[in-house]
Amino acid sequence: MYRKGEIRLTDIARALGGEWPVLAAELELTEEEVTKLMDEHGENAALHMLRYWLKSRGHEATGNCLQLALRKI
């Protein structure tokens, strides 16, 4: 069984496709973080970037923050 938030992240990652680094920049991930995600996760990097952002930014990683960043791209 999937949690609601997990399905949403998967949907967002799928919609982003190869454009996920643009969102990563809006979410203030560094170039080094993006490169590491690319190297370690290849085709699944978009989803891993979203999970990494949630984990690394803690309480600052809100749905509102993600929504604003998505609207900017």
C-alpha atoms as a PDB file:
ATOM      1  CA  MET A   1       0.000   0.000   0.000  1.00  0.00           C
ATOM      2  CA  TYR A   2       1.247   3.475  -0.858  1.00  0.00           C
ATOM      3  CA  ARG A   3       0.919   6.578   1.231  1.00  0.00           C
ATOM      4  CA  LYS A   4      -0.837   9.516  -0.388  1.00  0.00           C
ATOM      5  CA  GLY A   5       2.271  11.721  -0.331  1.00  0.00           C
ATOM      6  CA  GLU A   6       4.413   9.016  -1.894  1.00  0.00           C
ATOM      7  CA  ILE A   7       2.081   8.660  -4.860  1.00  0.00           C
ATOM      8  CA  ARG A   8       2.114  12.401  -5.362  1.00  0.00           C
ATOM      9  CA  LEU A   9       5.910  12.531  -5.388  1.00  0.00           C
ATOM     10  CA  THR A  10       5.959   9.743  -7.931  1.00  0.00           C
ATOM     11  CA  ASP A  11       3.490  11.601 -10.128  1.00  0.00           C
ATOM     12  CA  ILE A  12       5.483  14.819  -9.887  1.00  0.00           C
ATOM     13  CA  ALA A  13       8.735  13.012 -10.693  1.00  0.00           C
ATOM     14  CA  ARG A  14       7.167  11.342 -13.712  1.00  0.00           C
ATOM     15  CA  ALA A  15       5.784  14.642 -15.000  1.00  0.00           C
ATOM     16  CA  LEU A  16       9.150  16.369 -14.562  1.00  0.00           C
ATOM     17  CA  GLY A  17      11.056  13.788 -16.560  1.00  0.00           C
ATOM     18  CA  GLY A  18      14.445  15.127 -17.557  1.00  0.00           C
ATOM     19  CA  GLU A  19      13.572  18.649 -16.446  1.00  0.00           C
ATOM     20  CA  TRP A  20      13.903  17.827 -12.754  1.00  0.00           C
ATOM     21  CA  PRO A  21      17.201  19.766 -12.334  1.00  0.00           C
ATOM     22  CA  VAL A  22      15.247  22.972 -13.012  1.00  0.00           C
ATOM     23  CA  LEU A  23      12.980  22.183 -10.063  1.00  0.00           C
ATOM     24  CA  ALA A  24      15.996  21.198  -7.981  1.00  0.00           C
ATOM     25  CA  ALA A  25      17.456  24.659  -8.583  1.00  0.00           C
ATOM     26  CA  GLU A  26      14.170  26.293  -7.530  1.00  0.00           C
ATOM     27  CA  LEU A  27      14.251  24.177  -4.372  1.00  0.00           C
ATOM     28  CA  GLU A  28      17.768  25.511  -3.740  1.00  0.00           C
ATOM     29  CA  LEU A  29      19.656  22.256  -4.153  1.00  0.00           C
ATOM     30  CA  THR A  30      23.287  22.808  -5.082  1.00  0.00           C
ATOM     31  CA  GLU A  31      24.879  21.755  -8.357  1.00  0.00           C
ATOM     32  CA  GLU A  32      26.888  19.214  -6.378  1.00  0.00           C
ATOM     33  CA  GLU A  33      23.722  17.698  -4.924  1.00  0.00           C
ATOM     34  CA  VAL A  34      22.116  17.520  -8.372  1.00  0.00           C
ATOM     35  CA  THR A  35      25.204  15.914  -9.914  1.00  0.00           C
ATOM     36  CA  LYS A  36      25.367  13.330  -7.138  1.00  0.00           C
ATOM     37  CA  LEU A  37      21.694  12.471  -7.607  1.00  0.00           C
ATOM     38  CA  MET A  38      22.231  12.088 -11.365  1.00  0.00           C
ATOM     39  CA  ASP A  39      25.253   9.855 -10.881  1.00  0.00           C
ATOM     40  CA  GLU A  40      23.677   7.666  -8.212  1.00  0.00           C
ATOM     41  CA  HIS A  41      20.112   7.346  -9.501  1.00  0.00           C
ATOM     42  CA  GLY A  42      20.119   7.831 -13.265  1.00  0.00           C
ATOM     43  CA  GLU A  43      16.586   7.602 -14.640  1.00  0.00           C
ATOM     44  CA  ASN A  44      15.080   7.662 -11.137  1.00  0.00           C
ATOM     45  CA  ALA A  45      16.886  10.835 -10.110  1.00  0.00           C
ATOM     46  CA  ALA A  46      13.751  13.011 -10.194  1.00  0.00           C
ATOM     47  CA  LEU A  47      12.010  10.973  -7.510  1.00  0.00           C
ATOM     48  CA  HIS A  48      15.177  10.674  -5.450  1.00  0.00           C
ATOM     49  CA  MET A  49      15.688  14.428  -5.706  1.00  0.00           C
ATOM     50  CA  LEU A  50      12.238  15.037  -4.224  1.00  0.00           C
ATOM     51  CA  ARG A  51      12.845  12.550  -1.424  1.00  0.00           C
ATOM     52  CA  TYR A  52      16.289  14.040  -0.761  1.00  0.00           C
ATOM     53  CA  TRP A  53      14.829  17.553  -0.646  1.00  0.00           C
ATOM     54  CA  LEU A  54      12.203  16.454   1.898  1.00  0.00           C
ATOM     55  CA  LYS A  55      14.760  14.719   4.084  1.00  0.00           C
ATOM     56  CA  SER A  56      17.533  17.318   3.897  1.00  0.00           C
ATOM     57  CA  ARG A  57      15.374  20.412   4.336  1.00  0.00           C
ATOM     58  CA  GLY A  58      13.292  19.056   7.207  1.00  0.00           C
ATOM     59  CA  HIS A  59      10.496  21.361   8.341  1.00  0.00           C
ATOM     60  CA  GLU A  60      11.362  23.833   5.551  1.00  0.00           C
ATOM     61  CA  ALA A  61      10.306  21.280   2.911  1.00  0.00           C
ATOM     62  CA  THR A  62       6.588  22.000   2.814  1.00  0.00           C
ATOM     63  CA  GLY A  63       3.934  21.289   0.242  1.00  0.00           C
ATOM     64  CA  ASN A  64       3.493  25.020  -0.234  1.00  0.00           C
ATOM     65  CA  CYS A  65       7.200  25.444  -0.949  1.00  0.00           C
ATOM     66  CA  LEU A  66       7.082  22.640  -3.524  1.00  0.00           C
ATOM     67  CA  GLN A  67       3.969  24.084  -5.115  1.00  0.00           C
ATOM     68  CA  LEU A  68       5.558  27.530  -5.468  1.00  0.00           C
ATOM     69  CA  ALA A  69       8.694  26.046  -7.006  1.00  0.00           C
ATOM     70  CA  LEU A  70       6.632  24.003  -9.476  1.00  0.00           C
ATOM     71  CA  ARG A  71       4.721  27.105 -10.533  1.00  0.00           C
ATOM     72  CA  LYS A  72       7.986  28.933 -11.249  1.00  0.00           C
ATOM     73  CA  ILE A  73       9.138  26.336 -13.710  1.00  0.00           C
END
